[in-house]
Amino acid sequence: MKAIEEYHSHFLDYLANYNKSRNPRNLYDPVKYILDIGGKRLRPILTLMMTDCFGGHISKALDAALAIEVFHNFSLVHDDIMDNAPLRRSKKTVHEKWDLNTGILSGDAMLIMAYKLFESYDDSKFKKLSTLFSKTALEVCEGQQYDIDFESRVDVSMDEYIKMIKYKTAALVASAMQMGAIIADASIENQEKCFRFGENLGIAFQLQDDYLDAFGDPKSFGKQVGGDIIENKKTYLFLKAMDLGSEQDKLILNDLYMRKIENKGKISKVLEIFERTGAAKSTRQIIHDYTENAFLILDSMEINNTKKELIRVFGTELMTRTS
């Protein structure tokens, strides 16, 4: 089995060949920009990894991996517009570097580009991959709408929040893994296990991202720390603080989250409550729990122990990351 660095290298070479300048430049330069500025490439690596794990050749998985990455970045371009975010991976967001209309149109083009990448597969695999992708793409949109709705609600439940991140983030991680298994002709049972593994890992990944948004180092995190607090997002941290905090804590949080206040004072007050109520500790625990759930599913997959250990190490590193 190849090392993670090899998957990463193979994917970057393929991406570089794909992500070239095209005309009209005002449409495609923003696409090239967002794809070039990086990220962890988690999802395409998982697609290549699972194809390899089940005995397939990773060259067969590159178009599916690229489709996942292009779609993921499309969603980020539009998310950044909706969140009015100034930075993405320590760089200006597309709508900040160009303008709002460019961000919308270039994002739309990326969605279509993602679908076209499945056209390289034979009819049977095309149907399986595109059906899974369509289901996932719609769930990502549903998750984003839930996320927006939650900003103006004060009664968001833990279950609702987990459902939101399962759709918005975990579904794409899960599909990336299942696509790798589909391309390698793994059994239906193993394909489904790949999906469930990715779903648990994806939920843990998003909870970790939420935690880093609040407590991360701005230099390594690559986004505006405290952005979720400024945008009044009802993250697990917020919901747990409301569950564990005193009546006074709840009153303060509700007051701060009723208004968009872009200053460090709001952020520091909220972080202090997150720490004092035990919400920060509880969030770290649930990240651990979902990661362990993923590893239990991994243990039941029909792949050899050497491959399982590499996946386990990769998953552990994701959940202990600082960026």
Protein backbone atom coordinates (compact mmCIF):
# COMPACT_ATOMS: atom_id res chain seq x y z
CA MET A 1 0.00 0.00 0.00
CA LYS A 2 1.26 3.45 -0.86
CA ALA A 3 2.10 6.05 1.77
CA ILE A 4 -0.18 9.06 2.24
CA GLU A 5 2.49 11.28 0.65
CA GLU A 6 2.28 9.22 -2.54
CA TYR A 7 -1.49 9.63 -2.82
CA HIS A 8 -1.05 13.33 -2.22
CA SER A 9 1.70 13.60 -4.85
CA HIS A 10 -0.25 11.63 -7.47
CA PHE A 11 -3.30 13.78 -6.92
CA LEU A 12 -1.40 17.08 -7.06
CA ASP A 13 0.25 16.08 -10.34
CA TYR A 14 -3.15 15.23 -11.81
CA LEU A 15 -4.66 18.44 -10.48
CA ALA A 16 -1.84 20.55 -11.93
CA ASN A 17 -2.41 19.06 -15.37
CA TYR A 18 -6.15 19.73 -15.08
CA ASN A 19 -6.06 23.16 -13.49
CA LYS A 20 -4.64 25.23 -16.32
CA SER A 21 -5.57 28.69 -17.54
CA ARG A 22 -8.64 28.73 -19.78
CA ASN A 23 -10.80 31.33 -21.46
CA PRO A 24 -12.70 33.37 -20.55
CA ARG A 25 -10.08 34.23 -17.94
CA ASN A 26 -12.52 36.09 -15.68
CA LEU A 27 -14.48 32.85 -15.28
CA TYR A 28 -11.65 30.35 -14.97
CA ASP A 29 -8.90 32.31 -13.19
CA PRO A 30 -10.88 32.25 -9.91
CA VAL A 31 -11.33 28.48 -10.35
CA LYS A 32 -7.60 28.03 -10.81
CA TYR A 33 -6.95 30.30 -7.84
CA ILE A 34 -9.11 28.44 -5.32
CA LEU A 35 -7.86 25.04 -6.48
CA ASP A 36 -4.23 26.21 -6.36
CA ILE A 37 -4.24 27.62 -2.83
CA GLY A 38 -4.35 24.17 -1.37
CA GLY A 39 -5.88 22.67 1.69
CA LYS A 40 -5.36 19.22 3.10
CA ARG A 41 -6.81 17.43 0.02
CA LEU A 42 -8.44 15.08 2.53
CA ARG A 43 -11.28 13.92 0.33
CA PRO A 44 -9.37 13.01 -2.85
CA ILE A 45 -6.69 11.27 -0.79
CA LEU A 46 -9.40 9.12 0.81
CA THR A 47 -10.78 8.20 -2.62
CA LEU A 48 -7.37 7.09 -3.85
CA MET A 49 -6.63 5.33 -0.57
CA MET A 50 -9.80 3.24 -0.61
CA THR A 51 -9.33 2.26 -4.25
CA ASP A 52 -5.83 1.08 -3.35
CA CYS A 53 -7.02 -0.69 -0.19
CA PHE A 54 -9.46 -2.83 -2.17
CA GLY A 55 -6.96 -3.76 -4.87
CA GLY A 56 -7.80 -1.18 -7.53
CA HIS A 57 -5.30 1.00 -9.37
CA ILE A 58 -5.29 4.59 -8.16
CA SER A 59 -5.00 5.91 -11.74
CA LYS A 60 -8.61 4.75 -12.21
CA ALA A 61 -9.73 6.81 -9.22
CA LEU A 62 -8.13 10.14 -10.15
CA ASP A 63 -11.12 11.61 -12.01
CA ALA A 64 -13.49 10.76 -9.15
CA ALA A 65 -11.02 12.17 -6.64
CA LEU A 66 -10.72 15.34 -8.69
CA ALA A 67 -14.51 15.64 -8.99
CA ILE A 68 -14.79 15.48 -5.20
CA GLU A 69 -12.11 18.15 -4.77
CA VAL A 70 -13.59 20.50 -7.39
CA PHE A 71 -17.03 20.16 -5.83
CA HIS A 72 -15.64 20.73 -2.33
CA ASN A 73 -13.96 23.93 -3.46
CA PHE A 74 -17.10 25.06 -5.28
CA SER A 75 -18.95 24.75 -1.98
CA LEU A 76 -16.25 26.77 -0.21
CA VAL A 77 -16.48 29.62 -2.73
CA HIS A 78 -20.22 29.90 -2.17
CA ASP A 79 -19.95 29.34 1.60
CA ASP A 80 -17.46 32.19 1.83
CA ILE A 81 -19.88 34.48 -0.01
CA MET A 82 -22.73 33.56 2.34
CA ASP A 83 -20.49 33.97 5.41
CA ASN A 84 -18.90 37.17 4.06
CA ALA A 85 -15.55 35.56 4.92
CA PRO A 86 -12.41 37.56 4.05
CA LEU A 87 -9.90 34.69 4.20
CA ARG A 88 -9.66 31.11 3.04
CA ARG A 89 -6.44 29.19 3.75
CA SER A 90 -4.77 32.49 4.73
CA LYS A 91 -5.55 33.96 1.28
CA LYS A 92 -8.25 36.32 0.12
CA THR A 93 -11.51 34.56 -0.66
CA VAL A 94 -12.60 34.55 -4.31
CA HIS A 95 -15.31 37.17 -3.85
CA GLU A 96 -12.85 39.43 -2.01
CA LYS A 97 -10.11 39.06 -4.63
CA TRP A 98 -12.53 39.51 -7.54
CA ASP A 99 -16.14 40.41 -6.78
CA LEU A 100 -19.43 38.85 -5.73
CA ASN A 101 -20.73 38.09 -9.22
CA THR A 102 -17.46 36.44 -10.22
CA GLY A 103 -17.56 34.27 -7.10
CA ILE A 104 -21.10 33.09 -7.88
CA LEU A 105 -20.48 32.36 -11.56
CA SER A 106 -17.08 30.70 -11.12
CA GLY A 107 -18.55 28.56 -8.36
CA ASP A 108 -21.38 27.50 -10.69
CA ALA A 109 -18.82 26.53 -13.34
CA MET A 110 -16.96 24.38 -10.79
CA LEU A 111 -20.11 22.41 -10.01
CA ILE A 112 -20.55 21.57 -13.69
CA MET A 113 -16.83 20.77 -14.06
CA ALA A 114 -17.11 18.30 -11.17
CA TYR A 115 -19.97 16.41 -12.85
CA LYS A 116 -18.14 16.26 -16.18
CA LEU A 117 -15.24 14.39 -14.59
CA PHE A 118 -17.41 11.30 -14.10
CA GLU A 119 -17.84 11.02 -17.89
CA SER A 120 -14.53 9.12 -18.12
CA TYR A 121 -16.05 6.03 -16.43
CA ASP A 122 -17.92 3.18 -18.13
CA ASP A 123 -21.71 3.16 -17.98
CA SER A 124 -21.98 0.97 -14.87
CA LYS A 125 -19.51 2.93 -12.76
CA PHE A 126 -20.74 6.25 -14.13
CA LYS A 127 -24.26 5.48 -12.90
CA LYS A 128 -23.08 4.37 -9.45
CA LEU A 129 -20.70 7.31 -8.99
CA SER A 130 -22.99 10.01 -10.36
CA THR A 131 -25.99 8.71 -8.35
CA LEU A 132 -23.95 8.81 -5.15
CA PHE A 133 -22.52 12.22 -6.06
CA SER A 134 -25.94 13.75 -6.78
CA LYS A 135 -27.31 12.50 -3.47
CA THR A 136 -24.26 13.89 -1.67
CA ALA A 137 -24.31 17.25 -3.47
CA LEU A 138 -27.95 17.81 -2.50
CA GLU A 139 -27.22 16.86 1.13
CA VAL A 140 -24.36 19.38 1.21
CA CYS A 141 -26.83 22.08 0.09
CA GLU A 142 -29.35 20.94 2.71
CA GLY A 143 -26.66 21.04 5.38
CA GLN A 144 -25.68 24.56 4.36
CA GLN A 145 -29.31 25.69 4.60
CA TYR A 146 -29.63 24.18 8.08
CA ASP A 147 -26.45 26.03 9.04
CA ILE A 148 -27.91 29.33 7.82
CA ASP A 149 -31.24 28.67 9.55
CA PHE A 150 -29.51 27.96 12.86
CA GLU A 151 -27.93 31.44 12.95
CA SER A 152 -31.32 33.02 13.68
CA ARG A 153 -32.62 30.30 16.00
CA VAL A 154 -32.11 29.98 19.74
CA ASP A 155 -33.61 26.48 20.06
CA VAL A 156 -31.17 24.38 18.01
CA SER A 157 -30.77 20.89 19.49
CA MET A 158 -27.63 18.74 19.61
CA ASP A 159 -29.26 16.22 17.26
CA GLU A 160 -30.10 18.94 14.76
CA TYR A 161 -26.53 20.23 14.84
CA ILE A 162 -25.03 16.77 14.28
CA LYS A 163 -27.46 16.24 11.38
CA MET A 164 -26.36 19.55 9.88
CA ILE A 165 -22.66 18.71 9.92
CA LYS A 166 -23.38 15.16 8.77
CA TYR A 167 -24.94 16.63 5.62
CA LYS A 168 -22.74 19.69 5.14
CA THR A 169 -19.34 18.08 5.75
CA ALA A 170 -19.39 14.38 6.57
CA ALA A 171 -21.48 13.30 3.55
CA LEU A 172 -18.74 14.38 1.13
CA VAL A 173 -16.01 12.63 3.15
CA ALA A 174 -18.15 9.48 3.26
CA SER A 175 -18.88 9.61 -0.47
CA ALA A 176 -15.21 10.15 -1.30
CA MET A 177 -14.40 6.89 0.48
CA GLN A 178 -17.30 4.95 -1.01
CA MET A 179 -16.35 6.13 -4.51
CA GLY A 180 -12.89 4.67 -4.02
CA ALA A 181 -14.43 1.35 -3.08
CA ILE A 182 -16.84 1.46 -6.06
CA ILE A 183 -13.96 2.03 -8.48
CA ALA A 184 -12.08 -0.95 -6.99
CA ASP A 185 -15.20 -3.17 -7.32
CA ALA A 186 -15.34 -3.80 -3.57
CA SER A 187 -18.38 -5.67 -2.25
CA ILE A 188 -21.55 -3.71 -1.49
CA GLU A 189 -21.01 -4.45 2.20
CA ASN A 190 -17.54 -2.95 2.13
CA GLN A 191 -18.72 0.03 0.10
CA GLU A 192 -21.33 0.74 2.78
CA LYS A 193 -18.75 0.35 5.54
CA CYS A 194 -16.51 2.84 3.75
CA PHE A 195 -19.40 5.29 3.74
CA ARG A 196 -20.15 4.81 7.45
CA PHE A 197 -16.46 5.09 8.33
CA GLY A 198 -16.21 8.33 6.35
CA GLU A 199 -19.40 9.68 7.91
CA ASN A 200 -18.08 9.24 11.44
CA LEU A 201 -14.66 10.59 10.48
CA GLY A 202 -16.28 13.54 8.72
CA ILE A 203 -18.38 14.46 11.75
CA ALA A 204 -15.27 14.30 13.96
CA PHE A 205 -13.38 16.38 11.38
CA GLN A 206 -16.02 19.13 11.38
CA LEU A 207 -16.24 19.17 15.18
CA GLN A 208 -12.47 19.57 15.25
CA ASP A 209 -12.75 22.38 12.71
CA ASP A 210 -15.34 24.10 14.91
CA TYR A 211 -13.06 23.72 17.90
CA LEU A 212 -10.09 25.18 16.02
CA ASP A 213 -12.24 28.07 14.80
CA ALA A 214 -12.64 29.03 18.44
CA PHE A 215 -9.34 27.95 20.00
CA GLY A 216 -6.92 27.58 17.08
CA ASP A 217 -3.80 29.57 16.29
CA PRO A 218 -4.58 32.10 13.52
CA LYS A 219 -1.14 31.54 11.96
CA SER A 220 -1.65 27.79 11.50
CA PHE A 221 -5.45 27.63 11.18
CA GLY A 222 -5.57 29.64 7.95
CA LYS A 223 -8.94 31.26 8.61
CA GLN A 224 -10.22 34.00 10.86
CA VAL A 225 -10.25 32.55 14.38
CA GLY A 226 -13.55 33.33 16.07
CA GLY A 227 -15.36 33.61 12.74
CA ASP A 228 -18.13 31.24 13.86
CA ILE A 229 -18.66 33.36 16.98
CA ILE A 230 -18.86 36.57 14.96
CA GLU A 231 -21.36 34.93 12.59
CA ASN A 232 -23.42 33.62 15.57
CA LYS A 233 -23.10 30.02 14.41
CA LYS A 234 -24.65 27.54 16.84
CA THR A 235 -21.72 25.12 16.94
CA TYR A 236 -21.40 22.17 19.30
CA LEU A 237 -19.36 24.43 21.60
CA PHE A 238 -22.22 26.91 21.86
CA LEU A 239 -24.90 24.26 22.32
CA LYS A 240 -22.90 22.46 25.00
CA ALA A 241 -22.22 25.71 26.84
CA MET A 242 -25.96 26.42 26.81
CA ASP A 243 -26.58 22.92 28.14
CA LEU A 244 -23.95 23.02 30.89
CA GLY A 245 -23.82 26.72 31.76
CA SER A 246 -25.58 28.66 34.49
CA GLU A 247 -28.61 30.82 33.81
CA GLN A 248 -26.28 33.82 33.77
CA ASP A 249 -24.03 32.13 31.19
CA LYS A 250 -27.04 31.42 29.00
CA LEU A 251 -28.27 35.00 29.22
CA ILE A 252 -24.83 36.34 28.25
CA LEU A 253 -24.45 33.92 25.33
CA ASN A 254 -27.95 34.59 24.03
CA ASP A 255 -27.34 38.34 24.21
CA LEU A 256 -24.00 38.08 22.39
CA TYR A 257 -25.42 35.76 19.73
CA MET A 258 -28.42 37.97 18.99
CA ARG A 259 -26.15 40.53 17.31
CA LYS A 260 -23.22 40.41 14.91
CA ILE A 261 -20.43 42.14 16.77
CA GLU A 262 -17.08 42.00 15.00
CA ASN A 263 -14.67 42.63 17.84
CA LYS A 264 -12.25 40.70 20.02
CA GLY A 265 -14.26 41.48 23.14
CA LYS A 266 -17.18 39.34 22.01
CA ILE A 267 -14.86 36.50 21.05
CA SER A 268 -12.95 36.54 24.35
CA LYS A 269 -16.17 36.59 26.41
CA VAL A 270 -17.60 33.62 24.51
CA LEU A 271 -14.38 31.63 24.72
CA GLU A 272 -14.20 32.17 28.45
CA ILE A 273 -17.72 30.73 28.82
CA PHE A 274 -16.86 27.79 26.57
CA GLU A 275 -13.92 26.94 28.80
CA ARG A 276 -15.56 27.58 32.17
CA THR A 277 -18.72 25.59 31.47
CA GLY A 278 -16.81 22.55 30.26
CA ALA A 279 -18.10 22.92 26.69
CA ALA A 280 -14.53 22.96 25.32
CA LYS A 281 -13.66 19.74 27.17
CA SER A 282 -16.91 18.09 26.05
CA THR A 283 -16.19 19.00 22.44
CA ARG A 284 -12.75 17.40 22.61
CA GLN A 285 -14.40 14.26 24.03
CA ILE A 286 -17.02 13.94 21.31
CA ILE A 287 -14.33 14.37 18.64
CA HIS A 288 -12.56 11.41 20.22
CA ASP A 289 -15.80 9.40 20.39
CA TYR A 290 -16.70 9.82 16.71
CA THR A 291 -13.12 9.00 15.71
CA GLU A 292 -13.24 5.79 17.74
CA ASN A 293 -16.61 4.89 16.15
CA ALA A 294 -14.97 5.28 12.75
CA PHE A 295 -12.10 2.99 13.78
CA LEU A 296 -14.53 0.29 14.95
CA ILE A 297 -16.07 0.27 11.46
CA LEU A 298 -12.58 0.21 9.95
CA ASP A 299 -11.75 -2.91 11.97
CA SER A 300 -14.63 -4.77 10.31
CA MET A 301 -13.58 -3.97 6.74
CA GLU A 302 -12.17 -6.76 4.57
CA ILE A 303 -8.74 -5.22 4.07
CA ASN A 304 -5.43 -6.30 5.56
CA ASN A 305 -4.11 -5.00 8.85
CA THR A 306 -1.24 -3.04 7.32
CA LYS A 307 -3.70 -0.99 5.28
CA LYS A 308 -6.00 -0.55 8.26
CA GLU A 309 -3.13 0.78 10.35
CA LEU A 310 -2.22 3.40 7.74
CA ILE A 311 -5.84 4.57 7.62
CA ARG A 312 -5.95 4.64 11.43
CA VAL A 313 -2.79 6.77 11.63
CA PHE A 314 -4.18 9.12 8.98
CA GLY A 315 -7.47 9.47 10.87
CA THR A 316 -5.70 10.08 14.17
CA GLU A 317 -3.55 12.80 12.64
CA LEU A 318 -6.65 14.52 11.26
CA MET A 319 -8.26 14.62 14.68
CA THR A 320 -5.18 15.97 16.44
CA ARG A 321 -4.35 18.60 13.83
CA THR A 322 -3.93 22.30 14.59
CA SER A 323 -4.87 23.62 11.15
